[in-house]
Protein backbone atom coordinates (compact mmCIF):
# COMPACT_ATOMS: atom_id res chain seq x y z
CA UNK A 1 87.20 55.32 58.47
CA UNK A 2 88.87 58.67 58.10
CA UNK A 3 88.13 59.72 61.66
CA UNK A 4 90.21 59.63 64.82
CA UNK A 5 90.12 60.72 68.44
CA UNK A 6 92.18 63.87 68.19
CA UNK A 7 92.16 64.92 71.84
CA UNK A 8 90.74 64.05 75.23
CA UNK A 9 90.04 66.21 78.25
CA UNK A 10 91.42 65.45 81.73
CA UNK A 11 89.75 62.37 83.17
CA UNK A 12 87.08 62.85 85.80
CA UNK A 13 86.53 60.29 88.56
CA UNK A 14 86.13 56.95 86.75
CA UNK A 15 84.42 55.14 89.62
CA UNK A 16 80.81 54.00 89.75
CA UNK A 17 78.72 55.76 92.36
CA UNK A 18 75.99 54.36 94.59
CA UNK A 19 73.23 56.79 95.46
CA UNK A 20 70.99 56.21 98.48
CA UNK A 21 67.61 57.89 98.99
CA UNK A 22 67.47 61.40 100.37
CA UNK A 23 71.22 61.97 100.28
CA UNK A 24 72.17 59.31 102.84
CA UNK A 25 75.86 58.47 103.22
CA UNK A 26 77.89 55.27 103.57
CA UNK A 27 81.43 55.50 104.91
CA UNK A 28 82.66 52.42 103.05
CA UNK A 29 81.50 49.25 101.33
CA UNK A 30 80.86 47.43 104.60
CA UNK A 31 78.68 50.29 105.81
CA UNK A 32 76.80 50.22 102.52
CA UNK A 33 76.11 46.51 102.91
CA UNK A 34 74.80 47.06 106.43
CA UNK A 35 72.59 49.91 105.25
CA UNK A 36 71.10 48.02 102.30
CA UNK A 37 70.78 44.59 103.85
CA UNK A 38 71.18 41.26 102.06
CA UNK A 39 68.67 41.77 99.24
CA UNK A 40 68.60 45.38 98.03
CA UNK A 41 66.84 46.62 94.90
CA UNK A 42 69.34 48.38 92.62
CA UNK A 43 68.38 50.73 89.84
CA UNK A 44 70.76 50.24 86.91
CA UNK A 45 70.55 49.01 83.33
CA UNK A 46 74.29 48.36 82.93
CA UNK A 47 75.10 44.66 82.50
CA UNK A 48 78.65 45.38 83.68
CA UNK A 49 77.42 46.91 86.92
CA UNK A 50 74.85 44.18 87.49
CA UNK A 51 77.45 41.44 87.02
CA UNK A 52 79.90 42.98 89.49
CA UNK A 53 77.32 44.10 92.05
CA UNK A 54 75.94 40.56 92.10
CA UNK A 55 79.24 39.38 93.58
CA UNK A 56 78.94 42.03 96.31
CA UNK A 57 75.20 41.53 96.91
CA UNK A 58 74.33 37.95 95.85
CA UNK A 59 70.64 38.29 96.73
CA UNK A 60 70.17 41.71 95.10
CA UNK A 61 67.63 42.41 92.39
CA UNK A 62 68.13 44.85 89.54
CA UNK A 63 65.79 46.96 87.46
CA UNK A 64 66.40 49.59 84.79
CA UNK A 65 66.01 53.15 85.96
CA UNK A 66 65.36 55.42 83.00
CA UNK A 67 65.52 59.13 82.31
CA UNK A 68 68.09 61.85 82.78
CA UNK A 69 70.05 62.09 86.00
CA UNK A 70 67.56 64.37 87.77
CA UNK A 71 64.72 62.01 86.87
CA UNK A 72 66.61 58.98 88.13
CA UNK A 73 67.36 60.69 91.42
CA UNK A 74 63.68 61.61 91.87
CA UNK A 75 62.69 57.99 91.21
CA UNK A 76 65.24 56.82 93.78
CA UNK A 77 64.00 59.26 96.42
CA UNK A 78 60.38 58.23 95.76
CA UNK A 79 61.13 54.58 96.50
CA UNK A 80 61.50 53.06 93.03
CA UNK A 81 64.64 51.29 94.26
CA UNK A 82 66.81 51.05 97.37
CA UNK A 83 69.91 52.41 95.61
CA UNK A 84 70.85 53.70 92.18
CA UNK A 85 74.20 53.28 90.47
CA UNK A 86 75.52 55.98 88.14
CA UNK A 87 78.89 57.21 86.95
CA UNK A 88 80.66 59.49 89.41
CA UNK A 89 81.97 61.53 86.47
CA UNK A 90 78.52 62.48 85.23
CA UNK A 91 77.32 63.43 88.69
CA UNK A 92 80.35 65.60 89.32
CA UNK A 93 80.11 67.32 85.95
CA UNK A 94 76.47 68.11 86.67
CA UNK A 95 77.48 69.51 90.08
CA UNK A 96 75.64 66.69 91.84
CA UNK A 97 78.64 65.22 93.64
CA UNK A 98 76.83 65.76 96.95
CA UNK A 99 74.40 63.00 95.94
CA UNK A 100 77.15 60.36 95.82
CA UNK A 101 76.60 58.16 98.87
CA UNK A 102 79.63 55.99 98.13
CA UNK A 103 82.03 55.83 95.19
CA UNK A 104 82.70 52.13 94.70
CA UNK A 105 86.38 51.14 94.89
CA UNK A 106 87.71 50.31 91.45
CA UNK A 107 88.88 46.90 92.61
CA UNK A 108 85.28 46.10 93.66
CA UNK A 109 83.56 47.43 90.54
CA UNK A 110 85.90 47.96 87.59
CA UNK A 111 84.64 50.84 85.43
CA UNK A 112 83.68 50.69 81.78
CA UNK A 113 86.55 51.41 79.38
CA UNK A 114 86.86 55.15 78.90
CA UNK A 115 84.52 56.02 81.77
CA UNK A 116 85.03 59.60 82.85
CA UNK A 117 86.87 60.65 79.66
CA UNK A 118 85.46 63.17 77.19
CA UNK A 119 86.99 62.68 73.75
CA UNK A 120 86.98 64.88 70.66
CA UNK A 121 86.77 63.25 67.25
CA UNK A 122 88.07 64.86 64.08
CA UNK A 123 88.77 64.06 60.44
CA UNK A 124 92.21 62.64 59.73
CA UNK A 125 92.69 64.89 56.71
CA UNK A 126 92.19 68.10 58.69
CA UNK A 127 95.69 68.53 60.07
CA UNK A 128 94.92 72.11 61.08
CA UNK A 129 92.07 70.90 63.32
CA UNK A 130 94.28 68.15 64.74
CA UNK A 131 97.00 70.66 65.60
CA UNK A 132 94.51 72.98 67.32
CA UNK A 133 93.02 70.15 69.35
CA UNK A 134 96.44 68.90 70.39
CA UNK A 135 96.80 72.05 72.50
CA UNK A 136 94.01 70.90 74.84
CA UNK A 137 94.81 67.17 74.85
CA UNK A 138 95.51 65.57 78.23
CA UNK A 139 98.33 63.02 77.72
CA UNK A 140 97.52 60.92 80.82
CA UNK A 141 93.88 60.53 79.87
CA UNK A 142 94.78 59.80 76.24
CA UNK A 143 97.23 57.04 77.18
CA UNK A 144 94.64 55.51 79.51
CA UNK A 145 91.95 55.64 76.84
CA UNK A 146 94.20 54.06 74.20
CA UNK A 147 94.96 51.16 76.56
CA UNK A 148 91.32 50.64 77.54
CA UNK A 149 90.03 50.86 73.97
CA UNK A 150 92.60 48.24 72.95
CA UNK A 151 90.91 45.80 75.34
CA UNK A 152 87.50 46.54 73.82
CA UNK A 153 88.83 46.07 70.29
CA UNK A 154 90.46 42.74 71.13
CA UNK A 155 87.29 41.38 72.75
CA UNK A 156 84.86 42.76 70.19
CA UNK A 157 83.19 44.78 72.87
CA UNK A 158 80.27 47.14 73.05
CA UNK A 159 78.70 49.25 75.78
CA UNK A 160 76.34 46.36 76.56
CA UNK A 161 79.06 43.87 77.48
CA UNK A 162 79.92 42.83 81.05
CA UNK A 163 83.46 44.13 80.53
CA UNK A 164 85.43 46.41 82.81
CA UNK A 165 88.86 47.85 82.09
CA UNK A 166 90.72 50.63 83.86
CA UNK A 167 94.20 52.03 83.33
CA UNK A 168 96.20 54.03 85.83
CA UNK A 169 98.87 56.17 84.21
CA UNK A 170 102.03 57.03 86.09
CA UNK A 171 105.20 58.89 85.15
CA UNK A 172 106.40 56.25 82.70
CA UNK A 173 104.10 53.25 83.17
CA UNK A 174 100.51 52.12 82.66
CA UNK A 175 98.95 49.73 85.17
CA UNK A 176 95.71 48.04 84.10
CA UNK A 177 92.98 45.94 85.65
CA UNK A 178 90.33 44.18 83.60
CA UNK A 179 87.39 41.85 84.15
CA UNK A 180 84.92 39.90 82.04
CA UNK A 181 81.92 38.37 83.78
CA UNK A 182 78.78 36.47 82.95
CA UNK A 183 75.61 38.51 83.36
CA UNK A 184 74.69 36.63 86.53
CA UNK A 185 78.14 37.16 88.04
CA UNK A 186 78.79 33.44 88.45
CA UNK A 187 81.66 33.29 85.98
CA UNK A 188 84.45 35.81 85.96
CA UNK A 189 87.98 36.20 84.66
CA UNK A 190 90.20 38.98 85.91
CA UNK A 191 93.67 40.13 84.88
CA UNK A 192 96.22 42.80 85.57
CA UNK A 193 98.93 44.15 83.33
CA UNK A 194 101.70 46.73 83.55
CA UNK A 195 103.93 48.22 80.88
CA UNK A 196 105.45 51.33 79.40
CA UNK A 197 103.11 54.21 78.73
CA UNK A 198 105.06 54.79 75.51
CA UNK A 199 103.01 51.95 74.07
CA UNK A 200 99.85 51.90 76.14
CA UNK A 201 97.99 50.12 73.35
CA UNK A 202 100.30 47.13 73.75
CA UNK A 203 99.52 47.05 77.48
CA UNK A 204 95.81 46.89 76.73
CA UNK A 205 96.32 44.19 74.11
CA UNK A 206 98.36 42.13 76.58
CA UNK A 207 95.59 42.46 79.17
CA UNK A 208 93.05 41.28 76.60
CA UNK A 209 95.19 38.26 75.70
CA UNK A 210 95.37 37.32 79.38
CA UNK A 211 91.58 37.57 79.71
CA UNK A 212 91.09 35.53 76.54
CA UNK A 213 93.49 32.86 77.77
CA UNK A 214 91.35 32.52 80.90
CA UNK A 215 88.16 32.01 78.90
CA UNK A 216 86.78 35.54 78.39
CA UNK A 217 85.52 34.86 74.87
CA UNK A 218 83.60 31.78 75.99
CA UNK A 219 81.91 33.80 78.73
CA UNK A 220 80.96 36.54 76.29
CA UNK A 221 79.67 34.08 73.68
CA UNK A 222 77.48 32.43 76.30
């Protein structure tokens, strides 16, 4: 209470990135499947990524891969796993974009809400700080974040939920895609929503209602 997100920076690439050992490349998802085979070992501790990757690689196994980004890449290259999955945004901001073997299409692996957005929090009663931060706020990223956070709020979400939500902001509209899955990927509900960017929160709330109507809360409770 008493705090708010006062500004956000321009959004970096929101997609999840697959990294292969020794800087190998994959032209597309089909090429990645051929390269990894039917039962790859993925390094990731994200339940959202595990749930969605299970639909792409049903026989895959998953194990946490700990440490900072450099450490994770060293573990990958030393054979700890066949592929690692990290956020494209973090890799690009660390000037490690060259290590991205394939950025997963958003429709195949919906990102976490807010992925790729750096936000700045401030006290509500410091109007001078709010005014200063407004000068660096990116309106497109802010509208997307408001919509995506609305989905999290409606579903009672946390960073350890198999929940994906992504908003694309156009000239006057917000288009959203969202997914809630069981941890094993066997149950999934997916929804899309579009509305005016003047009330992006309402677009996110409508997406959440659609997911709930399809059984999202039951999946999350289980």
